[in-house]
Every structure is written in structure tokens, then in C-alpha cells.
Amino acid sequence: MRLQLWSCNYAPEVTGIAPVSEVWARAMRDRGHDVEVVAAFPHYPEPLWEHPRRPYREVRDGIPVTRLPLWAGRGSAAQRIRQELTFAAAQTAAIPALRRPDVQVAVSPSFPALLPAIVNARVRRIPWLLWLHDILPDGAAATGLVGDGPVLRAARALERLAYREADSIVVLSQAFTRNLEAKGVPASKIELIYDPATRVPQRNGSAAGETSTNGANGSRPAAGSPVRLLSMGNIGFSQGLAEVVRAFESEPELNSDVRLVITGSGVAAPDAAGEVRTPRVEMPGLVSSERLERELQSATLALVTQKHGGEEFNIPSKLMNFMAYGLPVVASVDPGSEVARLVRSSAGGWVVDNADPAEFPRALRRIVESRGEIAERAAAAREFASRHFDLDAFADHFDAVLRRLAPGA
């Protein structure tokens, strides 16, 4: 089939949705499909170009990519809305120059860009699939990005239109399924496909050739070795990471032998950095793939956080990668969330209620005192990832959905 992926984020961006979109494109290509990507200029978490340019085309790993301009900015609500709207405008203008696919796959976010996706599908009379990574109206309201008013009402209207117009909707959690069904979306239109792990562990040690004693090679962490707790990826407001760092630093005597390493960047990174009080917390920023591999290989535990008090509108892709590396997850989340359900059902970590930040350092102390349990949960996390977050299984499932949409292609 001729497949056209509309994804605002794509390689060479290394965090967020871009790696998932990239592995999807490669997997569909490897299954014999003719894949084309429509994406924005590389811009996340920071713009990767020096001057504004016109749209251009490039080929990445044998896959043609059409790059569209946008006015990048994430420092305020106004800047983020401007960024989204300018990309949607660029997509609309690009429609006449795009090929007609057999199936169009539109990734959300970008949320406003769903409107040109709907227009393109209608005009060309092609089936289209909505790949839902975030429920943006819910997320914008929960994080305070927008309040009640015309912007949120317009977003809700576009959300309803997108759900109605899409021929199929792929979601990445049971929580998303419940959310959509509560909004009247027919269950027959919804397909649950977990995001795959996008990194492959180097089983022979770290990128530097060192032998790890922790998660990635599956050996039991030595009793006297330091404990490294790793967080990675986007640092946004929805993670609530600043509150976790504040709690960790507030009681240093509880976890004096633990080092919290936070790689990545984002709009809330300065807030998290402002809570650092001791050398026990390291924030190297956005690191290279080689450096991240070393961090994953040397980590003992992985940290996944979500802000308390908001609706569950996304599932962090870092969870899949942590489990694939055999890193047991300490999840500071709502105990009723999808992340909590996955951690509990996998037996691959621990859930700490994010309603009480002070509980985090106390729970961490109990965890690091049981090295045997850490090893057991590491093995459970790896086994769960091999069954549920495998790239081939993900691609086969997605391929089947696409073939149902265009059976004669």
C-alpha cells in the first residue's frame, strides 16, 4: 500500500513521539509498503535549524520526508498555540503538492493539524487513521495550558470532529479506550496498540564496552554498588518532576547512597533544576544516544512520573524502553492510572502514590534496601516488554489495521 504518515515530530528528533514515528515508518517499509512522511522542521525540544526556510524534501533511511515550516516555541501557552497553528497552516498549504495515498495516518499531537488531515481525506476520498498519543484537549486543560473559554471549546469541537471522521483510531492504553468510549466513540473504531520500545539494549555491555552490574544485562546489582535512578526524555509540566526532585532532596539521609540522574529537556526542566540542592541529583540535559546508552546500562532503577491531580491523557514512551532494558520502574503516579496498571501487572516495578510527594523518598528507601527484589523485578520488566512492547508484534498489529482500511490496495 501507499502509506502517508502525518507526524509533526520525526527524526532527527530523539525524544517524544519522533522515535516512535520513525520506527513505525521503517517497520511499514520493511513490510513492503510505500511509505512517505509529512513532518515539521526538526524542532523538539529545541529548533534544529538556524533560519526559517521554505518546505523541502529529504530522504531518511530510504524514506521520503516532506518538511514543513512552523513557528517554534514552547515557553508559554501563546507560543505553543502559535506553533501548532502555524504547522497546521503549512500542512493545509502543502495538500495540493502531496501524493494521494491508499491510507493516511495522522499522529496527534499535533492537534490542530488534524483539521487539514480531515480535509485531505475528504477531498481525496481516502481512508485515514488517527494515531492518538495524547488526548490534547484533556491535557491542555489539566496542565493549565488553556482555561475554559473559546480556545478550549474550539479544541473540543475539533476533537469530536476528528473522532467522527477517522475511519479507525489507534490508542496506546486502556485508559485512552475508556476516555474515547465515554465521549461516544464506537468501540469498533478503537484499536489498542501499545507503543513499542524504540531502543535495543546492547547486551554485551555499555556503549563504551563496559560491563554493567545493573538492569540492562540482567545481573543482580551488587550489595555495595551505588544505586542510580534514571529519568529520561521530555521534561514537561505533565510529568510533575519538580515535585519529585524536591521530595528527594528534602530528606537526603533517607537515600544518601542513591543518585538521581535526569536526562532530557523540556519546558519544565528549569523548574526541576531549581529544586536541586545536592550533588545527588544530576541533570546533564539532552544527551547523545551513546551517552544515553551508557546511562541505561549503568542504571539500577528507572523513574516515571506524572503530575498529580490531572486526567490521564498520555502514556510516557520511556516506560516501554525502561522495561525493554530490564530496568524496574519506580512510578510516581496515580495508583489508578494506566502506568500504574502496567507496572503492577508486569511485576516490573513499584507504584508510589503521587498524591503525597513525601512518600516518594520513603518508598525509594524501602526499594533500594532489597537488592534481590530489584533483580527479580528487573527480570519481570524485561519479560513483560518482550511480550507487549515488541516492535515486530506492534508492526504486525498496525499492518493488519491498515489492511482492513484499504483491502483492495
Protein backbone atom coordinates (compact mmCIF):
# COMPACT_ATOMS: atom_id res chain seq x y z
CA MET A 1 0.00 0.00 0.00
CA ARG A 2 0.94 3.66 -0.33
CA LEU A 3 1.04 4.97 3.24
CA GLN A 4 1.36 8.60 4.21
CA LEU A 5 2.32 9.40 7.81
CA TRP A 6 1.47 12.90 9.03
CA SER A 7 3.61 13.36 12.12
CA CYS A 8 4.72 16.79 13.30
CA ASN A 9 7.70 15.17 15.04
CA TYR A 10 10.16 12.91 13.23
CA ALA A 11 13.87 12.08 13.11
CA PRO A 12 16.40 13.53 13.73
CA GLU A 13 14.46 14.45 16.89
CA VAL A 14 15.39 11.88 19.55
CA THR A 15 12.73 12.28 22.25
CA GLY A 16 8.97 12.26 22.45
CA ILE A 17 6.88 10.96 19.56
CA ALA A 18 9.58 11.24 16.88
CA PRO A 19 11.36 7.91 17.64
CA VAL A 20 8.03 6.04 17.62
CA SER A 21 7.02 7.59 14.29
CA GLU A 22 10.43 6.71 12.87
CA VAL A 23 10.31 3.04 13.88
CA TRP A 24 6.73 2.84 12.53
CA ALA A 25 7.83 4.18 9.14
CA ARG A 26 10.74 1.77 8.93
CA ALA A 27 8.62 -1.19 10.04
CA MET A 28 5.92 -0.47 7.46
CA ARG A 29 8.58 -0.02 4.78
CA ASP A 30 10.12 -3.35 5.74
CA ARG A 31 6.70 -4.99 5.28
CA GLY A 32 6.64 -3.91 1.67
CA HIS A 33 4.62 -0.71 1.88
CA ASP A 34 5.49 2.52 0.05
CA VAL A 35 5.87 4.94 2.97
CA GLU A 36 6.01 8.73 2.83
CA VAL A 37 6.28 11.04 5.85
CA VAL A 38 4.97 14.59 6.22
CA ALA A 39 6.63 16.31 9.19
CA ALA A 40 7.67 19.70 10.54
CA PHE A 41 11.16 21.11 10.53
CA PRO A 42 13.09 19.38 13.34
CA HIS A 43 12.18 21.47 16.39
CA TYR A 44 11.75 19.36 19.55
CA PRO A 45 12.76 20.05 22.25
CA GLU A 46 14.65 22.89 20.51
CA PRO A 47 14.70 24.04 16.85
CA LEU A 48 17.43 22.32 14.84
CA TRP A 49 17.66 24.91 12.07
CA GLU A 50 19.19 28.36 12.08
CA HIS A 51 16.94 30.36 9.77
CA PRO A 52 13.37 29.97 8.52
CA ARG A 53 13.19 28.13 5.21
CA ARG A 54 10.65 27.03 2.68
CA PRO A 55 9.31 23.48 2.66
CA TYR A 56 11.80 20.92 1.45
CA ARG A 57 12.07 17.19 0.86
CA GLU A 58 14.71 14.80 2.12
CA VAL A 59 15.25 11.05 2.32
CA ARG A 60 15.97 9.49 5.71
CA ASP A 61 16.88 5.80 5.85
CA GLY A 62 15.32 5.33 2.41
CA ILE A 63 12.02 7.01 3.40
CA PRO A 64 11.00 10.29 1.69
CA VAL A 65 10.14 13.04 4.17
CA THR A 66 8.40 16.31 3.31
CA ARG A 67 9.45 19.00 5.81
CA LEU A 68 7.09 21.89 6.54
CA PRO A 69 7.89 25.13 8.39
CA LEU A 70 6.43 26.18 11.70
CA TRP A 71 6.98 29.00 14.18
CA ALA A 72 8.56 27.03 17.01
CA GLY A 73 8.01 27.95 20.65
CA ARG A 74 7.01 26.21 23.87
CA GLY A 75 7.79 28.81 26.53
CA SER A 76 4.18 29.91 27.02
CA ALA A 77 0.66 28.89 26.13
CA ALA A 78 0.56 31.52 23.39
CA GLN A 79 3.81 30.23 21.86
CA ARG A 80 2.64 26.63 21.89
CA ILE A 81 -0.68 27.51 20.27
CA ARG A 82 1.17 29.59 17.67
CA GLN A 83 3.48 26.67 16.92
CA GLU A 84 0.58 24.28 16.46
CA LEU A 85 -1.43 26.65 14.29
CA THR A 86 1.48 27.54 12.01
CA PHE A 87 2.21 23.87 11.38
CA ALA A 88 -1.48 23.23 10.64
CA ALA A 89 -1.42 26.13 8.19
CA ALA A 90 1.70 24.74 6.49
CA GLN A 91 0.07 21.32 6.17
CA THR A 92 -3.04 22.84 4.63
CA ALA A 93 -0.97 24.73 2.08
CA ALA A 94 1.02 21.58 1.25
CA ILE A 95 -2.00 19.38 0.47
CA PRO A 96 -2.01 20.02 -3.31
CA ALA A 97 1.67 19.02 -3.54
CA LEU A 98 1.26 15.72 -1.68
CA ARG A 99 0.71 12.36 -3.35
CA ARG A 100 -2.58 10.55 -2.93
CA PRO A 101 -2.00 7.60 -0.56
CA ASP A 102 -4.09 4.48 -0.05
CA VAL A 103 -4.22 5.24 3.67
CA GLN A 104 -3.34 8.40 5.57
CA VAL A 105 -2.08 8.04 9.16
CA ALA A 106 -2.32 11.23 11.22
CA VAL A 107 -0.47 11.43 14.53
CA SER A 108 -1.81 13.56 17.37
CA PRO A 109 -0.16 15.71 18.58
CA SER A 110 -0.01 17.98 16.60
CA PHE A 111 -3.68 18.50 17.44
CA PRO A 112 -4.72 21.42 15.14
CA ALA A 113 -3.07 19.56 12.25
CA LEU A 114 -5.93 17.06 12.43
CA LEU A 115 -8.08 19.59 10.59
CA PRO A 116 -6.01 19.55 7.36
CA ALA A 117 -5.83 15.76 7.71
CA ILE A 118 -9.63 15.64 7.72
CA VAL A 119 -9.78 17.99 4.72
CA ASN A 120 -7.24 15.94 2.76
CA ALA A 121 -9.08 12.68 3.45
CA ARG A 122 -12.41 14.18 2.41
CA VAL A 123 -11.15 15.84 -0.76
CA ARG A 124 -9.22 12.79 -1.95
CA ARG A 125 -11.75 10.28 -0.60
CA ILE A 126 -9.17 8.18 1.18
CA PRO A 127 -9.43 6.30 4.47
CA TRP A 128 -7.49 7.75 7.35
CA LEU A 129 -6.33 6.53 10.72
CA LEU A 130 -5.90 8.70 13.80
CA TRP A 131 -2.92 7.57 15.89
CA LEU A 132 -3.60 9.07 19.29
CA HIS A 133 -0.55 9.63 21.50
CA ASP A 134 -2.08 12.37 23.64
CA ILE A 135 -5.64 13.48 24.29
CA LEU A 136 -4.71 17.10 23.80
CA PRO A 137 -7.87 18.93 24.93
CA ASP A 138 -7.77 16.99 28.21
CA GLY A 139 -4.04 17.56 28.59
CA ALA A 140 -4.24 21.27 27.86
CA ALA A 141 -6.99 21.71 30.44
CA ALA A 142 -5.31 19.51 33.07
CA THR A 143 -1.94 21.28 32.86
CA GLY A 144 -3.48 24.76 32.75
CA LEU A 145 -2.23 25.44 29.23
CA VAL A 146 -5.71 26.71 28.37
CA GLY A 147 -8.65 27.53 30.59
CA ASP A 148 -12.37 27.39 29.99
CA GLY A 149 -13.13 29.64 27.07
CA PRO A 150 -13.28 29.80 23.29
CA VAL A 151 -9.92 28.06 22.72
CA LEU A 152 -10.90 25.01 24.75
CA ARG A 153 -14.37 24.93 23.20
CA ALA A 154 -12.85 25.02 19.71
CA ALA A 155 -10.46 22.21 20.69
CA ARG A 156 -13.34 20.08 21.97
CA ALA A 157 -15.24 20.66 18.72
CA LEU A 158 -12.21 19.60 16.63
CA GLU A 159 -11.74 16.56 18.88
CA ARG A 160 -15.33 15.43 18.28
CA LEU A 161 -14.97 16.03 14.53
CA ALA A 162 -11.73 14.04 14.35
CA TYR A 163 -13.21 11.07 16.23
CA ARG A 164 -16.25 11.10 13.96
CA GLU A 165 -14.32 11.45 10.69
CA ALA A 166 -11.49 8.99 11.36
CA ASP A 167 -12.03 5.53 9.90
CA SER A 168 -10.01 3.99 12.72
CA ILE A 169 -8.37 5.28 15.91
CA VAL A 170 -5.28 3.62 17.36
CA VAL A 171 -4.79 4.29 21.07
CA LEU A 172 -1.89 3.27 23.29
CA SER A 173 -3.65 2.45 26.55
CA GLN A 174 -6.83 1.08 28.05
CA ALA A 175 -7.30 4.47 29.72
CA PHE A 176 -7.50 6.07 26.27
CA THR A 177 -10.07 3.48 25.21
CA ARG A 178 -12.26 4.29 28.20
CA ASN A 179 -11.84 8.03 27.59
CA LEU A 180 -12.98 7.78 23.98
CA GLU A 181 -15.87 5.42 24.70
CA ALA A 182 -17.10 7.83 27.38
CA LYS A 183 -17.15 10.51 24.67
CA GLY A 184 -19.34 8.37 22.44
CA VAL A 185 -16.72 6.88 20.11
CA PRO A 186 -17.85 3.40 18.98
CA ALA A 187 -15.70 0.61 20.39
CA SER A 188 -15.48 -0.89 16.89
CA LYS A 189 -13.49 2.14 15.73
CA ILE A 190 -10.88 1.94 18.52
CA GLU A 191 -7.80 -0.28 18.32
CA LEU A 192 -5.41 -0.65 21.30
CA ILE A 193 -1.79 -0.97 20.18
CA TYR A 194 0.91 -0.27 22.76
CA ASP A 195 3.86 1.78 21.57
CA PRO A 196 6.93 -0.40 21.09
CA ALA A 197 10.27 0.03 22.76
CA THR A 198 12.29 2.19 20.37
CA ARG A 199 15.77 1.36 21.70
CA VAL A 200 17.53 -2.00 21.54
CA PRO A 201 19.72 -2.77 24.57
CA GLN A 202 23.35 -3.60 23.87
CA ARG A 203 23.51 -6.88 25.73
CA ASN A 204 27.30 -7.04 25.69
CA GLY A 205 27.66 -4.02 27.93
CA SER A 206 27.55 -0.28 27.56
CA ALA A 207 28.39 1.78 24.51
CA ALA A 208 31.87 2.20 25.96
CA GLY A 209 32.33 -1.57 26.20
CA GLU A 210 31.93 -1.68 29.95
CA THR A 211 30.07 -4.48 31.70
CA SER A 212 27.02 -3.30 33.60
CA THR A 213 26.09 -4.70 37.02
CA ASN A 214 22.55 -3.42 36.80
CA GLY A 215 19.44 -3.55 34.66
CA ALA A 216 20.38 -3.97 31.02
CA ASN A 217 22.30 -7.22 31.25
CA GLY A 218 20.02 -8.75 33.85
CA SER A 219 22.59 -9.47 36.58
CA ARG A 220 21.83 -8.84 40.23
CA PRO A 221 23.08 -5.43 41.45
CA ALA A 222 25.89 -5.92 43.94
CA ALA A 223 25.13 -5.14 47.58
CA GLY A 224 27.73 -2.40 47.85
CA SER A 225 27.30 -0.82 44.42
CA PRO A 226 25.77 2.66 44.16
CA VAL A 227 22.13 2.93 43.20
CA ARG A 228 21.40 5.02 40.12
CA LEU A 229 17.81 6.06 39.49
CA LEU A 230 17.35 7.21 35.87
CA SER A 231 14.76 9.52 34.36
CA MET A 232 14.89 10.36 30.66
CA GLY A 233 13.01 12.10 27.88
CA ASN A 234 10.75 15.10 27.83
CA ILE A 235 10.52 17.21 30.99
CA GLY A 236 7.11 18.83 30.65
CA PHE A 237 4.54 20.11 33.08
CA SER A 238 2.56 16.87 32.91
CA GLN A 239 5.46 14.92 34.48
CA GLY A 240 5.45 16.86 37.76
CA LEU A 241 9.18 16.10 38.03
CA ALA A 242 10.00 19.22 40.07
CA GLU A 243 7.84 17.96 42.95
CA VAL A 244 9.62 14.59 42.91
CA VAL A 245 13.08 16.22 42.93
CA ARG A 246 12.00 18.48 45.81
CA ALA A 247 10.83 15.48 47.83
CA PHE A 248 14.01 13.52 47.06
CA GLU A 249 16.24 16.41 48.13
CA SER A 250 14.22 17.21 51.25
CA GLU A 251 15.32 14.07 53.10
CA PRO A 252 18.89 13.29 51.98
CA GLU A 253 19.54 10.98 54.92
CA LEU A 254 16.92 8.52 53.61
CA ASN A 255 18.69 7.93 50.32
CA SER A 256 22.24 9.11 50.78
CA ASP A 257 23.55 6.29 48.56
CA VAL A 258 21.14 6.99 45.67
CA ARG A 259 21.99 9.15 42.66
CA LEU A 260 19.07 10.54 40.66
CA VAL A 261 20.09 11.12 37.02
CA ILE A 262 17.68 13.14 34.87
CA THR A 263 18.50 13.21 31.15
CA GLY A 264 16.40 15.13 28.66
CA SER A 265 14.98 18.59 28.31
CA GLY A 266 11.69 20.45 28.13
CA VAL A 267 9.73 23.45 29.28
CA ALA A 268 9.66 22.29 32.91
CA ALA A 269 13.37 21.44 33.13
CA PRO A 270 14.24 24.79 34.80
CA ASP A 271 11.63 24.09 37.49
CA ALA A 272 13.17 20.69 38.21
CA ALA A 273 16.70 22.12 38.18
CA GLY A 274 15.59 24.78 40.66
CA GLU A 275 14.86 22.04 43.19
CA VAL A 276 18.35 20.50 43.05
CA ARG A 277 20.20 21.06 46.34
CA THR A 278 22.94 18.40 46.42
CA PRO A 279 25.28 16.52 44.06
CA ARG A 280 22.97 13.50 44.47
CA VAL A 281 20.89 14.87 41.56
CA GLU A 282 22.48 15.14 38.11
CA MET A 283 20.79 16.91 35.19
CA PRO A 284 23.08 16.65 32.13
CA GLY A 285 20.30 17.79 29.77
CA LEU A 286 19.64 16.25 26.38
CA VAL A 287 22.44 13.72 25.83
CA SER A 288 23.73 11.82 22.82
CA SER A 289 22.46 8.35 22.02
CA GLU A 290 25.82 6.92 23.13
CA ARG A 291 25.67 8.72 26.47
CA LEU A 292 22.06 7.64 26.98
CA GLU A 293 23.06 4.04 26.28
CA ARG A 294 25.71 4.25 28.99
CA GLU A 295 23.17 5.71 31.42
CA LEU A 296 20.67 2.95 30.66
CA GLN A 297 23.33 0.29 31.07
CA SER A 298 24.60 1.65 34.39
CA ALA A 299 21.20 2.45 35.96
CA THR A 300 19.77 0.35 38.77
CA LEU A 301 16.21 1.68 38.65
CA ALA A 302 14.09 3.80 36.31
CA LEU A 303 11.82 6.69 37.27
CA VAL A 304 8.48 7.51 35.61
CA THR A 305 6.47 10.41 36.99
CA GLN A 306 3.13 12.04 36.26
CA LYS A 307 1.63 15.18 37.71
CA HIS A 308 -0.90 14.66 40.48
CA GLY A 309 -4.46 15.81 40.00
CA GLY A 310 -4.80 15.75 36.24
CA GLU A 311 -6.61 13.46 33.85
CA GLU A 312 -4.53 10.70 32.29
CA PHE A 313 -4.01 11.97 28.77
CA ASN A 314 -0.74 10.33 27.75
CA ILE A 315 1.42 7.26 28.40
CA PRO A 316 5.15 8.03 28.51
CA SER A 317 7.06 6.03 25.89
CA LYS A 318 10.04 5.90 28.25
CA LEU A 319 8.15 3.21 30.21
CA MET A 320 8.45 0.79 27.28
CA ASN A 321 12.15 1.48 26.82
CA PHE A 322 12.95 1.14 30.52
CA MET A 323 11.27 -2.25 30.67
CA ALA A 324 12.99 -3.41 27.49
CA TYR A 325 16.31 -2.65 29.21
CA GLY A 326 15.28 -4.69 32.23
CA LEU A 327 15.11 -1.64 34.47
CA PRO A 328 12.50 -1.99 37.22
CA VAL A 329 10.32 1.12 37.29
CA VAL A 330 9.59 3.36 40.26
CA ALA A 331 6.36 5.02 39.12
CA SER A 332 5.29 8.15 40.98
CA VAL A 333 1.79 8.26 39.51
CA ASP A 334 -1.89 7.99 40.32
CA PRO A 335 -2.42 4.42 41.59
CA GLY A 336 -5.45 4.14 39.31
CA SER A 337 -3.59 5.19 36.15
CA GLU A 338 -2.64 3.09 33.16
CA VAL A 339 1.05 3.43 34.04
CA ALA A 340 0.32 2.03 37.49
CA ARG A 341 -1.68 -0.83 35.97
CA LEU A 342 1.16 -1.76 33.62
CA VAL A 343 3.76 -1.63 36.38
CA ARG A 344 1.65 -3.77 38.71
CA SER A 345 0.53 -6.30 36.09
CA SER A 346 4.10 -6.76 34.87
CA ALA A 347 5.52 -7.06 38.42
CA GLY A 348 8.28 -4.95 36.90
CA GLY A 349 8.39 -2.16 39.45
CA TRP A 350 6.69 -0.25 42.22
CA VAL A 351 3.87 2.30 42.30
CA VAL A 352 4.20 5.32 44.61
CA ASP A 353 1.08 7.47 45.06
CA ASN A 354 1.87 10.91 43.63
CA ALA A 355 -0.77 12.49 45.87
CA ASP A 356 1.80 12.53 48.71
CA PRO A 357 5.23 13.69 47.44
CA ALA A 358 6.80 12.99 50.84
CA GLU A 359 6.09 9.28 50.36
CA PHE A 360 8.46 9.08 47.38
CA PRO A 361 11.81 9.21 49.27
CA ARG A 362 10.48 6.83 51.94
CA ALA A 363 9.30 4.33 49.34
CA LEU A 364 12.61 4.63 47.50
CA ARG A 365 14.48 3.82 50.69
CA ARG A 366 12.49 0.59 51.11
CA ILE A 367 13.11 -0.34 47.49
CA VAL A 368 16.90 0.11 47.48
CA GLU A 369 17.28 -1.92 50.65
CA SER A 370 16.11 -5.07 48.82
CA ARG A 371 18.62 -5.76 46.05
CA GLY A 372 17.23 -9.25 45.50
CA GLU A 373 13.78 -7.87 44.81
CA ILE A 374 15.25 -5.33 42.39
CA ALA A 375 16.78 -8.18 40.38
CA GLU A 376 13.50 -10.12 40.36
CA ARG A 377 11.51 -7.13 39.16
CA ALA A 378 14.14 -6.34 36.54
CA ALA A 379 13.65 -9.79 35.04
CA ALA A 380 9.86 -9.38 35.17
CA ALA A 381 10.05 -6.00 33.42
CA ARG A 382 12.19 -7.40 30.61
CA GLU A 383 9.92 -10.39 30.10
CA PHE A 384 6.79 -8.20 30.03
CA ALA A 385 8.38 -5.88 27.47
CA SER A 386 9.31 -8.79 25.22
CA ARG A 387 5.63 -9.85 25.13
CA HIS A 388 3.87 -6.49 24.97
CA PHE A 389 6.30 -3.88 23.60
CA ASP A 390 7.98 -5.90 20.85
CA LEU A 391 8.48 -3.97 17.60
CA ASP A 392 7.52 -6.85 15.30
CA ALA A 393 4.27 -7.53 17.18
CA PHE A 394 3.47 -3.80 17.12
CA ALA A 395 4.12 -3.58 13.37
CA ASP A 396 2.10 -6.73 12.59
CA HIS A 397 -0.89 -5.41 14.53
CA PHE A 398 -0.70 -1.99 12.89
CA ASP A 399 -0.30 -3.58 9.45
CA ALA A 400 -3.47 -5.61 9.97
CA VAL A 401 -5.45 -2.50 10.88
CA LEU A 402 -4.19 -0.65 7.80
CA ARG A 403 -5.08 -3.53 5.50
CA ARG A 404 -8.63 -3.52 6.83
CA LEU A 405 -8.93 0.15 5.88
CA ALA A 406 -7.82 -0.40 2.28
CA PRO A 407 -8.49 -4.07 1.49
CA GLY A 408 -8.19 -3.62 -2.27
CA ALA A 409 -4.96 -1.64 -2.28
